[in-house]
Amino acid sequence: MASARTTGTTVRPTGARAHHPRPGATGPARARDWAEIQERMLVPLYEAVYDRLEVGPASSVLGLSCRAGLALLLAAGRGAQVSGQEPREELRELARGRRLRVCAGARPAAAVPHPAHSLVTVFEQLPGAAEPGTVVAEAARHVLPGGHVVLAAWGPPERCESAPVLDVARRMAGRTTARDPFELSAPGTLEDLLAPAGLRPAGSGRVGCPFAYPDLDSAVRGLLSTGLFEAAEEFSGASLVAKELEEALQPFLRADGSVRMENVFRYLVAERPSRGA
């Protein structure tokens, strides 16, 4: 995959009230909600990983399911060569609008004759993945020997104030295949994914990522943009899911109308052993 270099980039939050799609908005509106409201909530996670791995001009970073590309933009601002994969067209176009090189997704193994990246990140994909092991194997396929793969997941639910809010997705999905976003939060669960992919653990950390919104409307739209509520919307209807989300967010509503939930995310650094190691 070709890479792009972007330098000197400043990330500015976008106003959350720029548009007001109805509950159940899909496609471009939902993608914009991710880019304008939700994506920046994970900046502390991105920065902690880049600090730990000293991402800079010598780094080549690939983001799997990079969405609108903010994590890659931050890496590019450190001088890294960056590229991404994102299967959703609307998000991919937003990333390209940030002058990032992003393709649609995984290619057959024969199309990747040799790995090319010193760091492959999986920041948002795992909590909703049907087959996490397949995702990790894909990441390992692209990392250089001696390079790193970073996996991220929610921290323990008791450390995440968003847990009861995210439970709306499970409760309203009926008997569909909705995934528990905390499925990979138990000790050792992420580590168990490494060996089958030919990786070994090389460190981990926890990062506080508060979810803070200017108002209830922005909170609902931001959370729906994560994709974790899609099965619930299909089963119960978008309007009902949005109403239940508003109810679940009431304990986190502040006097000024803003919403804030304290959360912890966990990341795991994995290493692809050098040849002969």
C-alpha atoms as a PDB file:
ATOM      1  CA  MET A   1       0.000   0.000   0.000  1.00  0.00           C
ATOM      2  CA  ALA A   2       1.233   3.456  -0.824  1.00  0.00           C
ATOM      3  CA  SER A   3       1.820   5.893   2.003  1.00  0.00           C
ATOM      4  CA  ALA A   4       1.365   9.626   2.430  1.00  0.00           C
ATOM      5  CA  ARG A   5       3.335  12.090   4.502  1.00  0.00           C
ATOM      6  CA  THR A   6       1.504  14.962   6.133  1.00  0.00           C
ATOM      7  CA  THR A   7       3.314  17.333   8.435  1.00  0.00           C
ATOM      8  CA  GLY A   8       2.617  20.343  10.590  1.00  0.00           C
ATOM      9  CA  THR A   9      -1.050  19.456  11.053  1.00  0.00           C
ATOM     10  CA  THR A  10      -3.160  21.130  13.705  1.00  0.00           C
ATOM     11  CA  VAL A  11      -6.322  19.318  14.824  1.00  0.00           C
ATOM     12  CA  ARG A  12      -9.193  21.615  15.656  1.00  0.00           C
ATOM     13  CA  PRO A  13     -12.467  20.311  17.130  1.00  0.00           C
ATOM     14  CA  THR A  14     -15.422  20.874  14.862  1.00  0.00           C
ATOM     15  CA  GLY A  15     -18.578  22.398  16.288  1.00  0.00           C
ATOM     16  CA  ALA A  16     -20.968  19.671  17.339  1.00  0.00           C
ATOM     17  CA  ARG A  17     -24.060  21.653  16.338  1.00  0.00           C
ATOM     18  CA  ALA A  18     -23.181  21.946  12.667  1.00  0.00           C
ATOM     19  CA  HIS A  19     -26.053  19.627  11.651  1.00  0.00           C
ATOM     20  CA  HIS A  20     -28.834  17.738  13.347  1.00  0.00           C
ATOM     21  CA  PRO A  21     -29.699  14.484  11.579  1.00  0.00           C
ATOM     22  CA  ARG A  22     -32.668  12.545  12.896  1.00  0.00           C
ATOM     23  CA  PRO A  23     -32.055   9.462  15.040  1.00  0.00           C
ATOM     24  CA  GLY A  24     -31.220   6.654  12.677  1.00  0.00           C
ATOM     25  CA  ALA A  25     -29.228   8.866  10.305  1.00  0.00           C
ATOM     26  CA  THR A  26     -26.954   6.753   8.170  1.00  0.00           C
ATOM     27  CA  GLY A  27     -24.211   7.151   5.616  1.00  0.00           C
ATOM     28  CA  PRO A  28     -22.588  10.565   5.345  1.00  0.00           C
ATOM     29  CA  ALA A  29     -24.478  12.115   8.299  1.00  0.00           C
ATOM     30  CA  ARG A  30     -23.446   9.333  10.678  1.00  0.00           C
ATOM     31  CA  ALA A  31     -19.855   9.505   9.411  1.00  0.00           C
ATOM     32  CA  ARG A  32     -19.772  13.261  10.037  1.00  0.00           C
ATOM     33  CA  ASP A  33     -21.055  12.686  13.559  1.00  0.00           C
ATOM     34  CA  TRP A  34     -18.078  10.401  14.158  1.00  0.00           C
ATOM     35  CA  ALA A  35     -15.583  12.886  12.731  1.00  0.00           C
ATOM     36  CA  GLU A  36     -17.094  16.000  14.339  1.00  0.00           C
ATOM     37  CA  ILE A  37     -18.220  14.670  17.722  1.00  0.00           C
ATOM     38  CA  GLN A  38     -16.918  11.257  18.747  1.00  0.00           C
ATOM     39  CA  GLU A  39     -13.498  10.709  17.213  1.00  0.00           C
ATOM     40  CA  ARG A  40     -11.623  13.209  19.370  1.00  0.00           C
ATOM     41  CA  MET A  41     -12.704  11.397  22.561  1.00  0.00           C
ATOM     42  CA  LEU A  42      -9.938   8.858  21.867  1.00  0.00           C
ATOM     43  CA  VAL A  43      -7.112  11.370  21.342  1.00  0.00           C
ATOM     44  CA  PRO A  44      -5.572  10.563  24.779  1.00  0.00           C
ATOM     45  CA  LEU A  45      -5.327   6.915  23.677  1.00  0.00           C
ATOM     46  CA  TYR A  46      -3.699   7.768  20.358  1.00  0.00           C
ATOM     47  CA  GLU A  47      -1.201  10.116  21.949  1.00  0.00           C
ATOM     48  CA  ALA A  48      -0.277   7.696  24.747  1.00  0.00           C
ATOM     49  CA  VAL A  49       0.529   4.973  22.210  1.00  0.00           C
ATOM     50  CA  TYR A  50       2.556   7.304  19.998  1.00  0.00           C
ATOM     51  CA  ASP A  51       4.481   8.631  22.993  1.00  0.00           C
ATOM     52  CA  ARG A  52       5.280   5.150  24.226  1.00  0.00           C
ATOM     53  CA  LEU A  53       6.485   3.929  20.827  1.00  0.00           C
ATOM     54  CA  GLU A  54       8.234   7.219  20.007  1.00  0.00           C
ATOM     55  CA  VAL A  55       6.390   7.624  16.724  1.00  0.00           C
ATOM     56  CA  GLY A  56       8.218  10.100  14.510  1.00  0.00           C
ATOM     57  CA  PRO A  57       9.904  10.592  11.123  1.00  0.00           C
ATOM     58  CA  ALA A  58      11.376   7.082  11.183  1.00  0.00           C
ATOM     59  CA  SER A  59       7.946   5.481  11.657  1.00  0.00           C
ATOM     60  CA  SER A  60       5.648   3.983   9.055  1.00  0.00           C
ATOM     61  CA  VAL A  61       2.135   3.713  10.499  1.00  0.00           C
ATOM     62  CA  LEU A  62      -0.819   1.755   9.101  1.00  0.00           C
ATOM     63  CA  GLY A  63      -4.226   2.237  10.714  1.00  0.00           C
ATOM     64  CA  LEU A  64      -6.688  -0.624  10.277  1.00  0.00           C
ATOM     65  CA  SER A  65     -10.316   0.530  10.196  1.00  0.00           C
ATOM     66  CA  CYS A  66      -8.963   4.032  10.641  1.00  0.00           C
ATOM     67  CA  ARG A  67     -12.406   5.636  10.177  1.00  0.00           C
ATOM     68  CA  ALA A  68     -12.041   9.366   9.483  1.00  0.00           C
ATOM     69  CA  GLY A  69      -8.310   9.189  10.136  1.00  0.00           C
ATOM     70  CA  LEU A  70      -7.721  11.432  13.153  1.00  0.00           C
ATOM     71  CA  ALA A  71      -5.263   8.949  14.699  1.00  0.00           C
ATOM     72  CA  LEU A  72      -3.279   8.909  11.453  1.00  0.00           C
ATOM     73  CA  LEU A  73      -3.398  12.686  11.250  1.00  0.00           C
ATOM     74  CA  LEU A  74      -1.797  12.918  14.692  1.00  0.00           C
ATOM     75  CA  ALA A  75       0.920  10.440  13.698  1.00  0.00           C
ATOM     76  CA  ALA A  76       1.572  12.395  10.496  1.00  0.00           C
ATOM     77  CA  GLY A  77       1.916  15.535  12.590  1.00  0.00           C
ATOM     78  CA  ARG A  78       4.847  13.818  14.321  1.00  0.00           C
ATOM     79  CA  GLY A  79       6.491  13.271  10.921  1.00  0.00           C
ATOM     80  CA  ALA A  80       5.478   9.629  10.414  1.00  0.00           C
ATOM     81  CA  GLN A  81       4.616   8.095   7.067  1.00  0.00           C
ATOM     82  CA  VAL A  82       0.945   7.137   7.366  1.00  0.00           C
ATOM     83  CA  SER A  83      -1.669   5.127   5.475  1.00  0.00           C
ATOM     84  CA  GLY A  84      -4.938   3.482   6.383  1.00  0.00           C
ATOM     85  CA  GLN A  85      -7.632   0.982   5.599  1.00  0.00           C
ATOM     86  CA  GLU A  86     -11.320   1.828   6.091  1.00  0.00           C
ATOM     87  CA  PRO A  87     -14.163  -0.280   4.657  1.00  0.00           C
ATOM     88  CA  ARG A  88     -16.905   2.365   4.946  1.00  0.00           C
ATOM     89  CA  GLU A  89     -16.926   4.711   1.989  1.00  0.00           C
ATOM     90  CA  GLU A  90     -18.295   7.741   3.848  1.00  0.00           C
ATOM     91  CA  LEU A  91     -15.558   7.562   6.496  1.00  0.00           C
ATOM     92  CA  ARG A  92     -12.919   6.823   3.884  1.00  0.00           C
ATOM     93  CA  GLU A  93     -13.861   9.967   1.988  1.00  0.00           C
ATOM     94  CA  LEU A  94     -13.600  12.066   5.151  1.00  0.00           C
ATOM     95  CA  ALA A  95     -10.109  10.655   5.744  1.00  0.00           C
ATOM     96  CA  ARG A  96      -9.119  11.446   2.180  1.00  0.00           C
ATOM     97  CA  GLY A  97     -10.452  14.954   2.708  1.00  0.00           C
ATOM     98  CA  ARG A  98      -7.756  15.239   5.380  1.00  0.00           C
ATOM     99  CA  ARG A  99      -5.174  14.415   2.683  1.00  0.00           C
ATOM    100  CA  LEU A 100      -4.604  10.918   4.021  1.00  0.00           C
ATOM    101  CA  ARG A 101      -3.957   7.877   1.844  1.00  0.00           C
ATOM    102  CA  VAL A 102      -6.710   5.420   2.771  1.00  0.00           C
ATOM    103  CA  CYS A 103      -7.890   2.356   0.842  1.00  0.00           C
ATOM    104  CA  ALA A 104     -11.051   0.296   1.199  1.00  0.00           C
ATOM    105  CA  GLY A 105      -9.710  -2.636   3.170  1.00  0.00           C
ATOM    106  CA  ALA A 106      -7.824  -5.876   3.345  1.00  0.00           C
ATOM    107  CA  ARG A 107      -6.354  -7.434   0.242  1.00  0.00           C
ATOM    108  CA  PRO A 108      -5.571 -11.100  -0.429  1.00  0.00           C
ATOM    109  CA  ALA A 109      -2.354 -12.298   1.139  1.00  0.00           C
ATOM    110  CA  ALA A 110      -0.764 -12.659  -2.305  1.00  0.00           C
ATOM    111  CA  ALA A 111      -1.273  -8.915  -2.860  1.00  0.00           C
ATOM    112  CA  VAL A 112       0.938  -8.101   0.140  1.00  0.00           C
ATOM    113  CA  PRO A 113       4.244  -9.756  -0.825  1.00  0.00           C
ATOM    114  CA  HIS A 114       6.056  -8.355   2.207  1.00  0.00           C
ATOM    115  CA  PRO A 115       5.114  -6.189   5.189  1.00  0.00           C
ATOM    116  CA  ALA A 116       5.967  -2.522   5.055  1.00  0.00           C
ATOM    117  CA  HIS A 117       5.070  -0.863   8.346  1.00  0.00           C
ATOM    118  CA  SER A 118       6.862  -0.419  11.640  1.00  0.00           C
ATOM    119  CA  LEU A 119       3.556   0.122  13.462  1.00  0.00           C
ATOM    120  CA  VAL A 120       0.051  -1.168  12.745  1.00  0.00           C
ATOM    121  CA  THR A 121      -2.747   0.159  14.924  1.00  0.00           C
ATOM    122  CA  VAL A 122      -6.162  -1.334  15.658  1.00  0.00           C
ATOM    123  CA  PHE A 123      -7.685   1.435  17.746  1.00  0.00           C
ATOM    124  CA  GLU A 124     -11.458   1.129  17.212  1.00  0.00           C
ATOM    125  CA  GLN A 125     -12.204  -2.112  15.395  1.00  0.00           C
ATOM    126  CA  LEU A 126     -11.857  -4.820  18.042  1.00  0.00           C
ATOM    127  CA  PRO A 127     -14.752  -4.022  20.459  1.00  0.00           C
ATOM    128  CA  GLY A 128     -17.320  -4.705  17.727  1.00  0.00           C
ATOM    129  CA  ALA A 129     -15.455  -7.328  15.704  1.00  0.00           C
ATOM    130  CA  ALA A 130     -17.158 -10.664  15.111  1.00  0.00           C
ATOM    131  CA  GLU A 131     -13.763 -12.387  14.711  1.00  0.00           C
ATOM    132  CA  PRO A 132     -11.090 -10.467  16.649  1.00  0.00           C
ATOM    133  CA  GLY A 133      -8.459 -13.095  15.852  1.00  0.00           C
ATOM    134  CA  THR A 134      -8.871 -12.444  12.131  1.00  0.00           C
ATOM    135  CA  VAL A 135      -8.381  -8.717  12.702  1.00  0.00           C
ATOM    136  CA  VAL A 136      -5.167  -9.318  14.645  1.00  0.00           C
ATOM    137  CA  ALA A 137      -3.870 -11.719  11.988  1.00  0.00           C
ATOM    138  CA  GLU A 138      -4.476  -9.037   9.350  1.00  0.00           C
ATOM    139  CA  ALA A 139      -2.547  -6.513  11.417  1.00  0.00           C
ATOM    140  CA  ALA A 140       0.349  -8.925  11.855  1.00  0.00           C
ATOM    141  CA  ARG A 141       0.476  -9.486   8.100  1.00  0.00           C
ATOM    142  CA  HIS A 142       1.445  -5.855   7.519  1.00  0.00           C
ATOM    143  CA  VAL A 143       4.031  -5.256  10.246  1.00  0.00           C
ATOM    144  CA  LEU A 144       7.773  -5.515   9.707  1.00  0.00           C
ATOM    145  CA  PRO A 145       9.841  -8.012  11.729  1.00  0.00           C
ATOM    146  CA  GLY A 146      10.750  -6.182  14.911  1.00  0.00           C
ATOM    147  CA  GLY A 147       7.792  -3.839  14.403  1.00  0.00           C
ATOM    148  CA  HIS A 148       4.734  -3.400  16.590  1.00  0.00           C
ATOM    149  CA  VAL A 149       1.000  -3.962  16.479  1.00  0.00           C
ATOM    150  CA  VAL A 150      -1.171  -2.036  18.925  1.00  0.00           C
ATOM    151  CA  LEU A 151      -4.586  -3.358  19.935  1.00  0.00           C
ATOM    152  CA  ALA A 152      -7.046  -1.279  21.929  1.00  0.00           C
ATOM    153  CA  ALA A 153     -10.215  -2.123  23.832  1.00  0.00           C
ATOM    154  CA  TRP A 154     -12.404  -0.746  26.578  1.00  0.00           C
ATOM    155  CA  GLY A 155     -11.026  -1.023  30.087  1.00  0.00           C
ATOM    156  CA  PRO A 156     -12.884  -2.813  32.890  1.00  0.00           C
ATOM    157  CA  PRO A 157     -16.584  -1.901  32.805  1.00  0.00           C
ATOM    158  CA  GLU A 158     -16.467  -0.854  36.458  1.00  0.00           C
ATOM    159  CA  ARG A 159     -13.923   1.823  35.421  1.00  0.00           C
ATOM    160  CA  CYS A 160     -16.070   3.083  32.531  1.00  0.00           C
ATOM    161  CA  GLU A 161     -19.046   5.308  33.243  1.00  0.00           C
ATOM    162  CA  SER A 162     -20.220   4.709  29.680  1.00  0.00           C
ATOM    163  CA  ALA A 163     -20.811   1.004  30.438  1.00  0.00           C
ATOM    164  CA  PRO A 164     -24.516   1.334  31.415  1.00  0.00           C
ATOM    165  CA  VAL A 165     -25.080   3.589  28.419  1.00  0.00           C
ATOM    166  CA  LEU A 166     -23.485   1.097  26.036  1.00  0.00           C
ATOM    167  CA  ASP A 167     -25.662  -1.607  27.591  1.00  0.00           C
ATOM    168  CA  VAL A 168     -28.576  -0.053  25.709  1.00  0.00           C
ATOM    169  CA  ALA A 169     -27.056  -1.592  22.576  1.00  0.00           C
ATOM    170  CA  ARG A 170     -27.151  -5.078  24.082  1.00  0.00           C
ATOM    171  CA  ARG A 171     -30.614  -4.766  25.628  1.00  0.00           C
ATOM    172  CA  MET A 172     -32.249  -3.482  22.478  1.00  0.00           C
ATOM    173  CA  ALA A 173     -30.567  -5.794  19.974  1.00  0.00           C
ATOM    174  CA  GLY A 174     -32.812  -8.750  20.797  1.00  0.00           C
ATOM    175  CA  ARG A 175     -31.391 -12.027  19.594  1.00  0.00           C
ATOM    176  CA  THR A 176     -29.191 -10.479  16.946  1.00  0.00           C
ATOM    177  CA  THR A 177     -25.421 -10.816  16.793  1.00  0.00           C
ATOM    178  CA  ALA A 178     -24.625  -7.595  18.681  1.00  0.00           C
ATOM    179  CA  ARG A 179     -21.223  -7.817  20.344  1.00  0.00           C
ATOM    180  CA  ASP A 180     -20.516  -6.912  23.943  1.00  0.00           C
ATOM    181  CA  PRO A 181     -18.094  -3.955  23.713  1.00  0.00           C
ATOM    182  CA  PHE A 182     -16.440  -5.168  26.935  1.00  0.00           C
ATOM    183  CA  GLU A 183     -15.877  -8.693  25.649  1.00  0.00           C
ATOM    184  CA  LEU A 184     -12.138  -8.067  25.298  1.00  0.00           C
ATOM    185  CA  SER A 185     -11.750  -6.188  28.578  1.00  0.00           C
ATOM    186  CA  ALA A 186     -11.122  -9.186  30.839  1.00  0.00           C
ATOM    187  CA  PRO A 187      -7.479  -9.744  31.896  1.00  0.00           C
ATOM    188  CA  GLY A 188      -5.518 -11.766  29.353  1.00  0.00           C
ATOM    189  CA  THR A 189      -8.202 -11.615  26.632  1.00  0.00           C
ATOM    190  CA  LEU A 190      -6.261  -9.369  24.273  1.00  0.00           C
ATOM    191  CA  GLU A 191      -3.053 -11.290  24.971  1.00  0.00           C
ATOM    192  CA  ASP A 192      -4.725 -14.543  23.894  1.00  0.00           C
ATOM    193  CA  LEU A 193      -5.090 -13.132  20.378  1.00  0.00           C
ATOM    194  CA  LEU A 194      -1.370 -12.672  19.824  1.00  0.00           C
ATOM    195  CA  ALA A 195       0.264 -16.104  19.548  1.00  0.00           C
ATOM    196  CA  PRO A 196      -2.003 -17.415  16.731  1.00  0.00           C
ATOM    197  CA  ALA A 197      -1.010 -14.328  14.716  1.00  0.00           C
ATOM    198  CA  GLY A 198       2.724 -14.837  15.339  1.00  0.00           C
ATOM    199  CA  LEU A 199       3.002 -11.920  17.749  1.00  0.00           C
ATOM    200  CA  ARG A 200       4.266 -11.631  21.308  1.00  0.00           C
ATOM    201  CA  PRO A 201       3.330  -9.138  24.051  1.00  0.00           C
ATOM    202  CA  ALA A 202       5.615  -6.152  24.497  1.00  0.00           C
ATOM    203  CA  GLY A 203       3.795  -3.987  27.018  1.00  0.00           C
ATOM    204  CA  SER A 204       0.413  -2.502  27.796  1.00  0.00           C
ATOM    205  CA  GLY A 205      -1.189   0.519  29.372  1.00  0.00           C
ATOM    206  CA  ARG A 206      -4.425   2.158  30.455  1.00  0.00           C
ATOM    207  CA  VAL A 207      -5.525   5.626  29.406  1.00  0.00           C
ATOM    208  CA  GLY A 208      -8.329   7.838  30.652  1.00  0.00           C
ATOM    209  CA  CYS A 209     -10.603   8.896  27.778  1.00  0.00           C
ATOM    210  CA  PRO A 210     -13.493  11.019  29.060  1.00  0.00           C
ATOM    211  CA  PHE A 211     -16.501  11.211  26.780  1.00  0.00           C
ATOM    212  CA  ALA A 212     -17.543  14.869  27.004  1.00  0.00           C
ATOM    213  CA  TYR A 213     -20.290  16.491  24.938  1.00  0.00           C
ATOM    214  CA  PRO A 214     -21.706  20.030  24.898  1.00  0.00           C
ATOM    215  CA  ASP A 215     -25.297  18.781  25.118  1.00  0.00           C
ATOM    216  CA  LEU A 216     -27.509  15.688  25.167  1.00  0.00           C
ATOM    217  CA  ASP A 217     -28.187  15.775  21.432  1.00  0.00           C
ATOM    218  CA  SER A 218     -24.465  15.665  20.666  1.00  0.00           C
ATOM    219  CA  ALA A 219     -23.966  12.804  23.121  1.00  0.00           C
ATOM    220  CA  VAL A 220     -26.648  10.682  21.459  1.00  0.00           C
ATOM    221  CA  ARG A 221     -25.362  11.407  17.968  1.00  0.00           C
ATOM    222  CA  GLY A 222     -21.763  10.775  18.957  1.00  0.00           C
ATOM    223  CA  LEU A 223     -22.495   7.450  20.599  1.00  0.00           C
ATOM    224  CA  LEU A 224     -24.655   6.269  17.702  1.00  0.00           C
ATOM    225  CA  SER A 225     -21.778   7.062  15.326  1.00  0.00           C
ATOM    226  CA  THR A 226     -19.567   4.433  16.997  1.00  0.00           C
ATOM    227  CA  GLY A 227     -21.413   1.631  15.196  1.00  0.00           C
ATOM    228  CA  LEU A 228     -22.041  -0.233  18.460  1.00  0.00           C
ATOM    229  CA  PHE A 229     -25.774   0.455  18.272  1.00  0.00           C
ATOM    230  CA  GLU A 230     -26.438  -0.679  14.704  1.00  0.00           C
ATOM    231  CA  ALA A 231     -27.882  -4.061  15.638  1.00  0.00           C
ATOM    232  CA  ALA A 232     -30.107  -2.412  18.255  1.00  0.00           C
ATOM    233  CA  GLU A 233     -31.376   0.113  15.716  1.00  0.00           C
ATOM    234  CA  GLU A 234     -32.149  -2.681  13.269  1.00  0.00           C
ATOM    235  CA  PHE A 235     -34.034  -4.718  15.854  1.00  0.00           C
ATOM    236  CA  SER A 236     -35.794  -2.048  17.926  1.00  0.00           C
ATOM    237  CA  GLY A 237     -35.899   0.960  15.615  1.00  0.00           C
ATOM    238  CA  ALA A 238     -33.669   4.016  15.568  1.00  0.00           C
ATOM    239  CA  SER A 239     -36.071   6.371  17.369  1.00  0.00           C
ATOM    240  CA  LEU A 240     -36.568   4.014  20.295  1.00  0.00           C
ATOM    241  CA  VAL A 241     -32.831   3.402  20.646  1.00  0.00           C
ATOM    242  CA  ALA A 242     -32.171   7.161  20.663  1.00  0.00           C
ATOM    243  CA  LYS A 243     -34.854   7.631  23.340  1.00  0.00           C
ATOM    244  CA  GLU A 244     -33.332   4.903  25.515  1.00  0.00           C
ATOM    245  CA  LEU A 245     -29.903   6.443  25.078  1.00  0.00           C
ATOM    246  CA  GLU A 246     -31.200   9.799  26.279  1.00  0.00           C
ATOM    247  CA  GLU A 247     -32.615   8.110  29.390  1.00  0.00           C
ATOM    248  CA  ALA A 248     -29.368   6.249  30.074  1.00  0.00           C
ATOM    249  CA  LEU A 249     -27.388   9.498  29.775  1.00  0.00           C
ATOM    250  CA  GLN A 250     -29.449  11.382  32.351  1.00  0.00           C
ATOM    251  CA  PRO A 251     -27.137  10.541  35.313  1.00  0.00           C
ATOM    252  CA  PHE A 252     -24.246  12.161  33.417  1.00  0.00           C
ATOM    253  CA  LEU A 253     -26.108  15.340  32.459  1.00  0.00           C
ATOM    254  CA  ARG A 254     -24.606  18.423  34.150  1.00  0.00           C
ATOM    255  CA  ALA A 255     -26.249  21.630  35.277  1.00  0.00           C
ATOM    256  CA  ASP A 256     -25.002  23.498  32.199  1.00  0.00           C
ATOM    257  CA  GLY A 257     -26.563  20.898  29.884  1.00  0.00           C
ATOM    258  CA  SER A 258     -23.285  19.186  29.005  1.00  0.00           C
ATOM    259  CA  VAL A 259     -22.675  15.445  29.338  1.00  0.00           C
ATOM    260  CA  ARG A 260     -19.491  13.841  30.680  1.00  0.00           C
ATOM    261  CA  MET A 261     -18.557  10.231  31.374  1.00  0.00           C
ATOM    262  CA  GLU A 262     -15.173   9.089  32.679  1.00  0.00           C
ATOM    263  CA  ASN A 263     -13.779   6.045  30.873  1.00  0.00           C
ATOM    264  CA  VAL A 264     -10.625   3.961  30.722  1.00  0.00           C
ATOM    265  CA  PHE A 265      -9.262   2.311  27.597  1.00  0.00           C
ATOM    266  CA  ARG A 266      -6.581  -0.351  27.520  1.00  0.00           C
ATOM    267  CA  TYR A 267      -3.973  -0.829  24.831  1.00  0.00           C
ATOM    268  CA  LEU A 268      -1.685  -3.791  24.231  1.00  0.00           C
ATOM    269  CA  VAL A 269       1.609  -3.466  22.382  1.00  0.00           C
ATOM    270  CA  ALA A 270       2.595  -6.590  20.467  1.00  0.00           C
ATOM    271  CA  GLU A 271       5.833  -7.268  18.644  1.00  0.00           C
ATOM    272  CA  ARG A 272       6.484  -9.304  15.543  1.00  0.00           C
ATOM    273  CA  PRO A 273       9.717 -11.165  16.337  1.00  0.00           C
ATOM    274  CA  SER A 274      12.682 -10.489  14.114  1.00  0.00           C
ATOM    275  CA  ARG A 275      13.771 -13.341  11.900  1.00  0.00           C
ATOM    276  CA  GLY A 276      15.705 -15.877  13.929  1.00  0.00           C
ATOM    277  CA  ALA A 277      14.566 -14.381  17.257  1.00  0.00           C
END
